[in-house]
Protein backbone atom coordinates (compact mmCIF):
# COMPACT_ATOMS: atom_id res chain seq x y z
CA PRO A 1 25.46 49.47 42.37
CA THR A 2 27.67 46.39 42.37
CA PHE A 3 27.13 42.98 40.85
CA ASN A 4 27.78 39.50 42.19
CA PRO A 5 29.18 37.57 40.44
CA GLU A 6 31.21 40.13 38.55
CA ALA A 7 31.20 40.53 34.79
CA GLY A 8 32.98 37.75 32.94
CA THR A 9 32.74 34.60 30.84
CA TYR A 10 30.89 31.64 32.33
CA ASN A 11 30.00 28.09 31.24
CA ALA A 12 26.73 28.01 33.17
CA VAL A 13 23.66 30.14 33.79
CA GLN A 14 24.39 32.92 36.30
CA ASN A 15 22.08 34.38 38.94
CA VAL A 16 23.29 37.94 39.50
CA THR A 17 22.67 39.89 42.70
CA ILE A 18 22.71 43.71 42.58
CA SER A 19 23.67 45.59 45.75
CA ALA A 20 23.56 49.26 46.71
CA GLU A 21 23.33 51.51 49.76
CA ALA A 22 20.53 50.64 52.16
CA GLY A 23 17.28 52.40 51.45
CA THR A 24 17.87 52.80 47.71
CA THR A 25 15.73 51.55 44.87
CA ILE A 26 17.63 49.77 42.10
CA TYR A 27 16.51 49.96 38.51
CA TYR A 28 18.08 47.78 35.79
CA THR A 29 18.05 46.86 32.09
CA LEU A 30 19.27 43.88 30.06
CA ASP A 31 18.89 45.31 26.56
CA GLY A 32 22.00 47.48 26.55
CA THR A 33 20.20 50.76 27.24
CA ASP A 34 20.87 52.90 30.29
CA PRO A 35 18.25 52.43 33.03
CA THR A 36 15.91 55.13 34.24
CA THR A 37 13.33 55.29 36.98
CA GLU A 38 10.94 53.83 34.43
CA SER A 39 13.02 50.64 34.08
CA ASN A 40 12.60 47.31 35.88
CA VAL A 41 12.85 47.48 39.65
CA TYR A 42 15.33 45.02 41.13
CA SER A 43 14.00 42.71 43.85
CA THR A 44 15.46 39.21 43.39
CA PRO A 45 18.60 37.78 41.69
CA ILE A 46 18.50 38.09 37.89
CA GLU A 47 19.00 34.94 35.83
CA ILE A 48 21.47 35.39 32.94
CA ALA A 49 21.13 32.39 30.61
CA GLU A 50 22.76 33.94 27.53
CA THR A 51 25.29 36.65 26.84
CA LYS A 52 23.85 39.92 28.17
CA THR A 53 24.92 43.34 29.42
CA LEU A 54 23.32 44.20 32.77
CA LYS A 55 23.07 47.88 33.69
CA ALA A 56 21.76 49.36 36.94
CA ILE A 57 21.26 52.60 38.84
CA ALA A 58 20.46 53.24 42.50
CA VAL A 59 17.97 55.96 43.47
CA LYS A 60 17.56 57.48 46.95
CA ASP A 61 15.95 60.73 47.94
CA GLU A 62 15.66 61.61 44.24
CA LYS A 63 19.40 61.28 43.88
CA ILE A 64 20.43 58.98 41.04
CA SER A 65 23.73 57.13 40.98
CA LEU A 66 26.02 56.64 38.03
CA VAL A 67 25.18 53.73 35.72
CA ALA A 68 26.90 50.50 36.68
CA SER A 69 27.42 48.00 33.85
CA ALA A 70 28.52 44.38 33.61
CA THR A 71 28.65 42.09 30.59
CA TYR A 72 28.16 38.36 31.14
CA THR A 73 29.32 36.06 28.38
CA ILE A 74 27.54 32.73 28.78
CA ASN A 75 29.03 29.73 26.95
CA LEU A 76 26.62 26.90 27.62
CA PRO A 77 27.41 23.46 26.18
CA LEU A 78 26.13 22.92 22.66
CA THR A 79 23.66 20.03 22.79
CA THR A 80 22.22 19.69 19.26
CA MET A 81 23.49 19.46 15.70
CA ASP A 82 21.66 22.71 14.94
CA GLN A 83 23.52 24.52 17.72
CA ILE A 84 26.89 23.15 16.55
CA PHE A 85 26.26 24.17 12.94
CA ALA A 86 24.99 27.60 14.02
CA LYS A 87 28.11 28.15 16.12
CA ALA A 88 30.35 27.04 13.24
CA THR A 89 28.53 29.41 10.90
CA ALA A 90 28.92 32.27 13.40
CA VAL A 91 32.67 31.84 13.92
CA GLY A 92 33.47 31.00 10.30
CA SER A 93 37.03 29.83 9.69
CA THR A 94 38.21 30.83 13.18
CA ALA A 95 38.47 27.66 15.26
CA THR A 96 36.70 28.56 18.51
CA SER A 97 36.70 26.70 21.82
CA VAL A 98 33.31 25.25 22.78
CA GLU A 99 31.87 22.73 25.15
CA ILE A 100 29.65 20.08 23.55
CA THR A 101 27.32 17.55 25.14
CA PHE A 102 27.26 14.58 22.78
CA ASP A 103 23.81 13.02 22.58
CA ASN A 104 24.64 9.43 21.63
CA TRP A 105 25.66 10.47 18.13
CA VAL A 106 27.19 7.79 15.91
CA VAL A 107 30.41 7.70 13.88
CA SER A 108 29.16 6.96 10.35
CA ALA A 109 32.51 6.75 8.55
CA VAL A 110 36.25 7.08 9.12
CA LYS A 111 38.84 7.76 6.43
CA GLU A 112 41.61 5.21 6.00
CA ASP A 113 44.27 7.25 7.81
CA GLY A 114 41.98 7.69 10.82
CA LYS A 115 42.38 11.46 10.81
CA THR A 116 38.84 12.24 9.60
CA ALA A 117 35.62 10.93 11.14
CA PHE A 118 32.03 11.65 10.14
CA VAL A 119 29.41 11.82 12.90
CA THR A 120 25.61 11.86 12.59
CA ASP A 121 22.42 11.92 14.60
CA GLY A 122 20.65 10.19 11.71
CA THR A 123 19.90 13.21 9.54
CA LYS A 124 22.45 15.87 10.49
CA GLY A 125 26.09 15.79 11.43
CA PHE A 126 29.63 17.14 11.42
CA VAL A 127 33.23 16.13 10.76
CA ILE A 128 36.00 15.56 13.33
CA PHE A 129 39.48 16.22 11.95
CA ASP A 130 43.11 16.24 12.99
CA LYS A 131 45.88 16.70 10.43
CA ASP A 132 48.50 14.99 12.58
CA VAL A 133 47.07 12.09 14.59
CA ASN A 134 44.72 9.14 14.25
CA LEU A 135 41.53 10.16 16.06
CA GLY A 136 40.94 6.65 17.40
CA PHE A 137 37.34 6.39 16.22
CA SER A 138 35.69 3.45 14.43
CA VAL A 139 32.49 3.19 12.42
CA GLY A 140 29.61 2.49 14.79
CA ASN A 141 31.14 4.25 17.80
CA THR A 142 28.53 6.05 19.88
CA LEU A 143 29.59 9.38 21.40
CA SER A 144 28.20 10.70 24.68
CA GLY A 145 29.34 12.87 27.58
CA THR A 146 30.49 16.48 27.61
CA ALA A 147 33.88 17.57 26.26
CA THR A 148 35.71 20.73 25.24
CA CYS A 149 36.96 21.06 21.66
CA LYS A 150 37.11 23.61 18.86
CA VAL A 151 34.57 24.26 16.11
CA GLN A 152 34.76 26.09 12.80
CA LEU A 153 33.00 26.18 9.44
CA TYR A 154 35.13 24.36 6.89
CA ASN A 155 34.05 24.48 3.23
CA GLY A 156 30.40 24.60 4.19
CA PHE A 157 30.17 22.05 7.03
CA ALA A 158 30.87 22.06 10.78
CA GLU A 159 34.32 20.73 11.65
CA LEU A 160 35.46 19.84 15.16
CA THR A 161 39.15 19.82 16.04
CA ALA A 162 41.14 19.23 19.24
CA LEU A 163 38.94 16.18 19.84
CA THR A 164 39.91 12.48 19.83
CA SER A 165 38.45 9.32 21.31
CA ALA A 166 40.65 9.92 24.37
CA THR A 167 39.46 13.50 25.07
CA THR A 168 38.47 14.02 28.70
CA GLY A 169 34.70 13.92 29.19
CA LEU A 170 33.94 12.13 25.91
CA ASN A 171 32.50 8.62 26.27
CA VAL A 172 33.00 6.27 23.32
CA THR A 173 31.14 2.96 23.06
CA THR A 174 30.51 0.49 20.23
CA GLY A 175 27.42 -0.90 18.53
CA GLY A 176 25.80 2.30 17.29
CA THR A 177 23.23 2.07 14.50
CA ILE A 178 23.59 4.23 11.41
CA THR A 179 20.26 5.17 9.82
CA THR A 180 20.07 5.35 6.02
CA GLN A 181 17.91 8.07 4.45
CA GLU A 182 16.52 7.10 1.05
CA LEU A 183 15.98 10.41 -0.71
CA ASP A 184 13.90 11.52 -3.66
CA ALA A 185 14.64 14.62 -5.74
CA ALA A 186 13.05 16.94 -3.18
CA GLY A 187 15.03 15.37 -0.34
CA ILE A 188 18.28 15.76 -2.28
CA ALA A 189 17.53 19.40 -3.08
CA ALA A 190 16.98 20.08 0.63
CA LEU A 191 20.44 18.81 1.68
CA THR A 192 22.81 21.45 3.10
CA GLY A 193 26.04 21.57 5.08
CA ILE A 194 24.28 20.58 8.29
CA ASN A 195 23.54 17.16 6.76
CA THR A 196 27.24 16.34 6.31
CA GLY A 197 28.01 12.99 7.94
CA SER A 198 24.57 11.47 7.43
CA LEU A 199 24.13 8.28 5.40
CA ILE A 200 21.96 8.67 2.29
CA LYS A 201 20.79 6.48 -0.58
CA ILE A 202 19.83 7.67 -4.04
CA ASN A 203 18.21 5.65 -6.81
CA GLY A 204 18.68 6.80 -10.38
CA ASN A 205 20.91 7.21 -13.41
CA CYS A 206 24.54 8.18 -13.67
CA SER A 207 24.85 11.46 -15.57
CA SER A 208 25.37 11.25 -19.33
CA THR A 209 28.03 13.97 -19.22
CA ASP A 210 30.43 12.84 -16.49
CA SER A 211 30.75 9.39 -14.97
CA LYS A 212 31.44 10.83 -11.51
CA TYR A 213 28.30 12.97 -11.43
CA TYR A 214 24.93 11.68 -10.46
CA VAL A 215 21.86 12.95 -12.31
CA ALA A 216 20.26 13.91 -9.02
CA GLY A 217 22.90 16.63 -8.70
CA VAL A 218 25.14 14.83 -6.22
CA GLN A 219 28.78 14.31 -7.14
CA ILE A 220 30.15 10.87 -6.29
CA TYR A 221 33.62 10.87 -4.71
CA THR A 222 36.23 8.24 -3.87
CA SER A 223 37.33 9.70 -0.52
CA LEU A 224 36.20 6.65 1.47
CA TYR A 225 36.27 3.94 -1.23
CA ASN A 226 38.01 4.04 -4.60
CA PHE A 227 35.32 2.67 -6.88
CA GLY A 228 37.11 3.83 -10.04
CA THR A 229 34.51 5.27 -12.38
CA LEU A 230 30.81 4.88 -12.99
CA GLU A 231 29.63 3.96 -16.45
CA VAL A 232 27.86 6.76 -18.25
CA ASP A 233 24.11 6.24 -18.64
CA VAL A 234 24.11 3.08 -16.52
CA LYS A 235 21.51 3.02 -13.77
CA TYR A 236 22.73 2.71 -10.17
CA ASN A 237 21.45 2.68 -6.61
CA ILE A 238 24.16 4.43 -4.59
CA THR A 239 24.53 4.67 -0.82
CA GLY A 240 27.12 6.86 0.85
CA ILE A 241 28.09 9.49 3.39
CA TYR A 242 26.80 12.94 2.50
CA GLN A 243 29.20 15.88 2.45
CA GLN A 244 28.51 19.48 1.48
CA TYR A 245 31.61 21.05 -0.09
CA HIS A 246 30.89 24.76 -0.51
CA SER A 247 27.79 24.65 -2.75
CA THR A 248 28.49 21.17 -4.16
CA LYS A 249 26.53 18.21 -2.85
CA GLU A 250 28.83 15.19 -2.55
CA MET A 251 28.34 11.52 -1.77
CA LEU A 252 31.05 9.17 -0.51
CA PRO A 253 30.37 5.43 -0.99
CA ARG A 254 32.07 3.33 1.70
CA SER A 255 32.53 0.02 -0.11
CA ALA A 256 31.60 -1.93 -3.24
CA GLU A 257 28.28 -2.84 -1.59
CA ASP A 258 27.27 0.82 -1.70
CA ILE A 259 27.24 0.88 -5.52
CA GLU A 260 24.53 -1.32 -7.00
CA GLU A 261 24.07 -1.47 -10.75
CA ILE A 262 20.40 -1.78 -11.62
CA GLN A 263 19.80 -4.86 -13.78
CA GLU A 264 16.65 -4.16 -15.75
CA PRO A 265 14.70 -7.04 -17.30
CA LEU A 266 15.53 -7.48 -20.98
CA THR A 267 13.12 -8.51 -23.75
CA THR A 268 13.93 -11.92 -25.19
CA TYR A 269 13.11 -13.51 -28.55
CA ASN A 270 13.01 -17.12 -29.64
CA VAL A 271 15.39 -17.81 -32.51
CA ASN A 272 14.82 -20.97 -34.51
CA TRP A 273 17.96 -22.31 -36.12
CA LEU A 274 17.49 -24.05 -39.50
CA VAL A 275 19.94 -26.91 -39.82
CA ASN A 276 20.82 -28.70 -43.08
CA GLY A 277 17.94 -27.12 -44.93
CA ASP A 278 15.08 -28.99 -43.31
CA GLU A 279 15.97 -29.95 -39.75
CA TRP A 280 15.03 -27.60 -36.92
CA ALA A 281 17.09 -27.31 -33.80
CA ASP A 282 15.45 -26.42 -30.47
CA SER A 283 14.45 -22.81 -30.09
CA GLU A 284 16.64 -20.77 -27.79
CA SER A 285 15.96 -17.53 -25.96
CA VAL A 286 18.12 -14.58 -26.95
CA LYS A 287 18.11 -11.37 -24.90
CA GLU A 288 17.60 -8.06 -26.61
CA GLY A 289 20.94 -6.41 -27.27
CA THR A 290 22.92 -9.64 -27.53
CA LYS A 291 24.53 -10.64 -30.80
CA ILE A 292 24.10 -13.74 -32.97
CA THR A 293 27.62 -15.03 -33.54
CA SER A 294 27.05 -18.66 -34.49
CA LEU A 295 24.98 -19.80 -37.50
CA PRO A 296 24.24 -23.11 -39.24
CA GLU A 297 26.95 -24.22 -41.56
CA ASP A 298 24.76 -23.52 -44.59
CA PRO A 299 22.24 -20.83 -43.56
CA THR A 300 20.64 -20.40 -46.95
CA ASP A 301 17.07 -21.47 -46.23
CA GLU A 302 14.38 -19.15 -45.00
CA CYS A 303 12.73 -19.13 -41.59
CA GLY A 304 9.38 -17.40 -41.48
CA GLY A 305 10.18 -15.50 -44.65
CA LYS A 306 13.65 -14.35 -43.51
CA THR A 307 17.03 -15.92 -44.14
CA PHE A 308 19.83 -16.11 -41.61
CA VAL A 309 22.37 -14.95 -44.12
CA GLY A 310 23.89 -11.68 -42.90
CA TRP A 311 22.71 -12.10 -39.29
CA SER A 312 26.14 -12.92 -37.93
CA ASN A 313 27.18 -10.39 -35.23
CA GLN A 314 23.90 -8.47 -35.53
CA GLU A 315 22.07 -7.18 -32.46
CA VAL A 316 18.70 -8.71 -31.71
CA THR A 317 16.22 -5.85 -31.28
CA ASP A 318 12.49 -5.41 -31.52
CA GLY A 319 12.77 -4.04 -35.05
CA ASN A 320 15.50 -6.33 -36.24
CA LYS A 321 14.98 -9.94 -35.27
CA PRO A 322 14.61 -13.29 -36.95
CA ALA A 323 11.09 -14.75 -36.80
């Protein structure tokens, strides 16, 4: 038997016709095994939608032909983030040519030199990178169309190369909306490399052991915005681009607005100042944790059973306060 089209690599589904001498019955398989007279009988073109090996025999007057074989490698465009990440995982560090149909995905961040862009569909994403040239992307660009590029798995996330804003087939428009995911502990734990490029927000405390580590287990990095350091034990709401680096969960704030220090209400106490022994000044409100640094010139009289002597530069707390 012969096959039309012949074996090869194709970027579309193939409908294969099997031909043989007139009056023969053709039997075929698609699972890699050699066909027998118990196999499928050929009658109409066979649709090959994924990489398969087609084998066939022709039978006439109880005579069986040799096995004919043809392998069809089908490279259909990748159309989802899951497909892109799966392909990257499959090829590993070997940059492999692929065709991708971009489904209005949005550029969520671009590094200052323009050579790295993060792209997301709202929850999942990938990175576009070129070590030599500015990619030409801006935050908020929406990507559509079908283009050829290369994909690989880089440090745990999908990375596209050989792709810029000028690549043939890629349509780039402005005004895309970037969705922020506000995550709890369970949501953070579920993050993996496929979520790289998405915009997340975490509410909580900075770790007590390292000012660049978040208690939720996400390390805060300065790759997009140099925020300096975070104060240990201070509470923050932090928004940023998610990146999975090997097994480390990372978060990249984009600007000062992405790092919000939580200002918790403080307990206040009224402190009555005794002036000149018998004259009271107006009460004033002092926040817990602040220090009394100014006292009456002669603070020797008592107020509610306590004197002000020795209160200079002392913290006002619930267990240590003037009446």
